[in-house]
Amino acid sequence: MTHTYTELLRYVRSHWQRLQSRISGAYFQRVTFPLQCWVACGRLPQFRPSLPWWQPFIWRYLVLTGWAPRRPRRQRRV
């Protein structure tokens, strides 16, 4: 049984989106949501959440794949 190019593309696309969704969901659950709660409660230093070691890697991956918004670089003051 042979598959057409369109069928293979549909298969790969659905699995890619599922993977991206799981990574994005884990990032939200472990990083974004705790930080949002901390900021909403007044940013008390004793309750500051600790970020997982993988946070910068996953953030960069999500930005590069287009699943996280790119933030413009801040302009330096002269």
N, C-alpha and C. Protein backbone atom coordinates (compact mmCIF):
# COMPACT_ATOMS: atom_id res chain seq x y z
N MET A 1 0.84 -1.18 0.00
CA MET A 1 0.00 0.00 0.00
C MET A 1 0.89 1.25 0.00
N THR A 2 0.74 2.06 -0.98
CA THR A 2 1.54 3.28 -1.07
C THR A 2 0.71 4.47 -0.65
N HIS A 3 1.39 5.42 -0.08
CA HIS A 3 0.72 6.64 0.36
C HIS A 3 1.12 7.78 -0.56
N THR A 4 0.20 8.68 -0.74
CA THR A 4 0.51 9.84 -1.55
C THR A 4 1.28 10.86 -0.71
N TYR A 5 1.87 11.80 -1.38
CA TYR A 5 2.61 12.85 -0.70
C TYR A 5 1.71 13.63 0.25
N THR A 6 0.48 13.89 -0.16
CA THR A 6 -0.46 14.65 0.66
C THR A 6 -0.80 13.90 1.93
N GLU A 7 -0.99 12.59 1.83
CA GLU A 7 -1.31 11.80 3.03
C GLU A 7 -0.15 11.80 4.01
N LEU A 8 1.07 11.65 3.49
CA LEU A 8 2.24 11.67 4.36
C LEU A 8 2.42 13.03 5.02
N LEU A 9 2.20 14.09 4.25
CA LEU A 9 2.31 15.43 4.79
C LEU A 9 1.28 15.67 5.89
N ARG A 10 0.08 15.21 5.69
CA ARG A 10 -0.98 15.34 6.70
C ARG A 10 -0.60 14.58 7.97
N TYR A 11 -0.04 13.39 7.83
CA TYR A 11 0.38 12.57 8.97
C TYR A 11 1.48 13.26 9.77
N VAL A 12 2.50 13.73 9.06
CA VAL A 12 3.62 14.40 9.73
C VAL A 12 3.15 15.69 10.38
N ARG A 13 2.33 16.45 9.70
CA ARG A 13 1.84 17.72 10.24
C ARG A 13 1.04 17.50 11.53
N SER A 14 0.18 16.49 11.57
CA SER A 14 -0.63 16.26 12.76
C SER A 14 0.24 15.82 13.94
N HIS A 15 1.24 15.00 13.68
CA HIS A 15 2.13 14.58 14.77
C HIS A 15 3.03 15.72 15.23
N TRP A 16 3.46 16.56 14.31
CA TRP A 16 4.28 17.72 14.66
C TRP A 16 3.48 18.68 15.53
N GLN A 17 2.24 18.94 15.17
CA GLN A 17 1.41 19.85 15.96
C GLN A 17 1.13 19.28 17.35
N ARG A 18 0.95 17.98 17.42
CA ARG A 18 0.72 17.34 18.72
C ARG A 18 1.96 17.48 19.61
N LEU A 19 3.14 17.29 19.05
CA LEU A 19 4.37 17.46 19.81
C LEU A 19 4.53 18.91 20.27
N GLN A 20 4.32 19.84 19.37
CA GLN A 20 4.44 21.26 19.72
C GLN A 20 3.46 21.63 20.81
N SER A 21 2.26 21.11 20.73
CA SER A 21 1.23 21.41 21.72
C SER A 21 1.62 20.87 23.09
N ARG A 22 2.17 19.68 23.14
CA ARG A 22 2.58 19.10 24.42
C ARG A 22 3.73 19.90 25.04
N ILE A 23 4.69 20.30 24.22
CA ILE A 23 5.81 21.10 24.73
C ILE A 23 5.32 22.45 25.22
N SER A 24 4.46 23.09 24.45
CA SER A 24 3.92 24.39 24.84
C SER A 24 3.08 24.28 26.11
N GLY A 25 2.29 23.23 26.24
CA GLY A 25 1.48 23.02 27.43
C GLY A 25 2.33 22.80 28.67
N ALA A 26 3.39 22.03 28.53
CA ALA A 26 4.29 21.79 29.66
C ALA A 26 4.98 23.08 30.08
N TYR A 27 5.37 23.91 29.10
CA TYR A 27 6.00 25.19 29.42
C TYR A 27 5.03 26.10 30.17
N PHE A 28 3.78 26.12 29.71
CA PHE A 28 2.78 26.96 30.39
C PHE A 28 2.56 26.47 31.82
N GLN A 29 2.43 25.16 32.00
CA GLN A 29 2.14 24.60 33.32
C GLN A 29 3.29 24.78 34.30
N ARG A 30 4.52 24.64 33.83
CA ARG A 30 5.67 24.68 34.74
C ARG A 30 6.33 26.04 34.86
N VAL A 31 6.12 26.93 33.87
CA VAL A 31 6.83 28.22 33.88
C VAL A 31 5.85 29.40 33.88
N THR A 32 5.02 29.49 32.86
CA THR A 32 4.19 30.68 32.68
C THR A 32 3.15 30.84 33.79
N PHE A 33 2.41 29.80 34.09
CA PHE A 33 1.34 29.91 35.08
C PHE A 33 1.87 30.25 36.48
N PRO A 34 2.91 29.56 36.98
CA PRO A 34 3.44 29.97 38.29
C PRO A 34 3.92 31.42 38.33
N LEU A 35 4.54 31.88 37.24
CA LEU A 35 4.99 33.28 37.22
C LEU A 35 3.81 34.24 37.19
N GLN A 36 2.76 33.91 36.44
CA GLN A 36 1.57 34.76 36.41
C GLN A 36 0.93 34.86 37.79
N CYS A 37 0.84 33.74 38.48
CA CYS A 37 0.27 33.73 39.83
C CYS A 37 1.12 34.56 40.79
N TRP A 38 2.43 34.42 40.69
CA TRP A 38 3.34 35.16 41.56
C TRP A 38 3.21 36.67 41.33
N VAL A 39 3.12 37.08 40.07
CA VAL A 39 2.97 38.51 39.75
C VAL A 39 1.62 39.01 40.24
N ALA A 40 0.56 38.22 40.08
CA ALA A 40 -0.77 38.62 40.51
C ALA A 40 -0.86 38.75 42.03
N CYS A 41 -0.03 38.02 42.75
CA CYS A 41 -0.06 38.07 44.22
C CYS A 41 0.90 39.10 44.79
N GLY A 42 1.51 39.90 43.98
CA GLY A 42 2.32 41.01 44.47
C GLY A 42 3.82 40.82 44.42
N ARG A 43 4.31 39.79 43.79
CA ARG A 43 5.75 39.56 43.62
C ARG A 43 6.52 39.53 44.94
N LEU A 44 6.01 38.84 45.91
CA LEU A 44 6.71 38.72 47.19
C LEU A 44 7.97 37.88 46.99
N PRO A 45 9.13 38.40 47.42
CA PRO A 45 10.39 37.70 47.14
C PRO A 45 10.45 36.30 47.77
N GLN A 46 9.82 36.11 48.92
CA GLN A 46 9.91 34.81 49.57
C GLN A 46 9.08 33.74 48.86
N PHE A 47 8.17 34.15 47.98
CA PHE A 47 7.34 33.20 47.24
C PHE A 47 7.68 33.14 45.75
N ARG A 48 8.84 33.66 45.40
CA ARG A 48 9.26 33.66 44.00
C ARG A 48 9.43 32.22 43.52
N PRO A 49 8.77 31.84 42.41
CA PRO A 49 8.91 30.47 41.93
C PRO A 49 10.29 30.24 41.30
N SER A 50 10.79 29.04 41.47
CA SER A 50 12.07 28.71 40.84
C SER A 50 11.80 28.13 39.46
N LEU A 51 12.52 28.61 38.49
CA LEU A 51 12.33 28.15 37.12
C LEU A 51 13.11 26.86 36.89
N PRO A 52 12.55 25.95 36.09
CA PRO A 52 13.29 24.72 35.79
C PRO A 52 14.53 25.01 34.95
N TRP A 53 15.49 24.11 35.01
CA TRP A 53 16.75 24.31 34.30
C TRP A 53 16.55 24.37 32.80
N TRP A 54 15.49 23.76 32.28
CA TRP A 54 15.26 23.68 30.84
C TRP A 54 14.49 24.88 30.29
N GLN A 55 14.10 25.80 31.13
CA GLN A 55 13.27 26.93 30.71
C GLN A 55 13.87 27.72 29.55
N PRO A 56 15.14 28.17 29.57
CA PRO A 56 15.66 28.97 28.45
C PRO A 56 15.72 28.19 27.13
N PHE A 57 15.98 26.88 27.22
CA PHE A 57 16.08 26.07 26.00
C PHE A 57 14.71 25.92 25.34
N ILE A 58 13.71 25.62 26.15
CA ILE A 58 12.36 25.42 25.61
C ILE A 58 11.80 26.75 25.10
N TRP A 59 12.08 27.85 25.82
CA TRP A 59 11.60 29.16 25.35
C TRP A 59 12.19 29.48 23.98
N ARG A 60 13.49 29.26 23.80
CA ARG A 60 14.14 29.54 22.52
C ARG A 60 13.58 28.63 21.43
N TYR A 61 13.34 27.37 21.75
CA TYR A 61 12.76 26.43 20.80
C TYR A 61 11.37 26.88 20.36
N LEU A 62 10.53 27.31 21.31
CA LEU A 62 9.19 27.76 20.97
C LEU A 62 9.22 29.04 20.14
N VAL A 63 10.15 29.92 20.40
CA VAL A 63 10.28 31.15 19.60
C VAL A 63 10.73 30.80 18.18
N LEU A 64 11.72 29.93 18.06
CA LEU A 64 12.24 29.57 16.74
C LEU A 64 11.21 28.83 15.88
N THR A 65 10.34 28.04 16.52
CA THR A 65 9.34 27.31 15.76
C THR A 65 8.06 28.11 15.55
N GLY A 66 7.98 29.31 16.11
CA GLY A 66 6.83 30.18 15.89
C GLY A 66 5.69 29.97 16.85
N TRP A 67 5.89 29.22 17.92
CA TRP A 67 4.82 28.97 18.88
C TRP A 67 4.84 29.95 20.04
N ALA A 68 5.84 30.78 20.13
CA ALA A 68 5.91 31.80 21.18
C ALA A 68 6.20 33.14 20.49
N PRO A 69 5.61 34.21 21.00
CA PRO A 69 5.83 35.52 20.35
C PRO A 69 7.26 35.99 20.55
N ARG A 70 7.79 36.60 19.53
CA ARG A 70 9.12 37.20 19.62
C ARG A 70 9.00 38.55 20.28
N ARG A 71 9.85 38.80 21.23
CA ARG A 71 9.85 40.10 21.90
C ARG A 71 10.93 40.96 21.26
N PRO A 72 10.60 42.19 20.94
CA PRO A 72 11.62 43.06 20.34
C PRO A 72 12.70 43.39 21.36
N ARG A 73 13.92 43.53 20.87
CA ARG A 73 15.02 43.88 21.77
C ARG A 73 14.81 45.31 22.26
N ARG A 74 15.13 45.49 23.51
CA ARG A 74 15.00 46.84 24.07
C ARG A 74 16.11 47.72 23.53
N GLN A 75 15.74 48.95 23.25
CA GLN A 75 16.73 49.88 22.70
C GLN A 75 17.62 50.38 23.84
N ARG A 76 18.90 50.47 23.55
CA ARG A 76 19.84 50.98 24.56
C ARG A 76 19.72 52.48 24.66
N ARG A 77 19.85 52.94 25.87
CA ARG A 77 19.84 54.40 26.08
C ARG A 77 21.21 54.97 25.76
N VAL A 78 21.20 56.08 25.09
CA VAL A 78 22.47 56.70 24.69
C VAL A 78 22.90 57.72 25.71
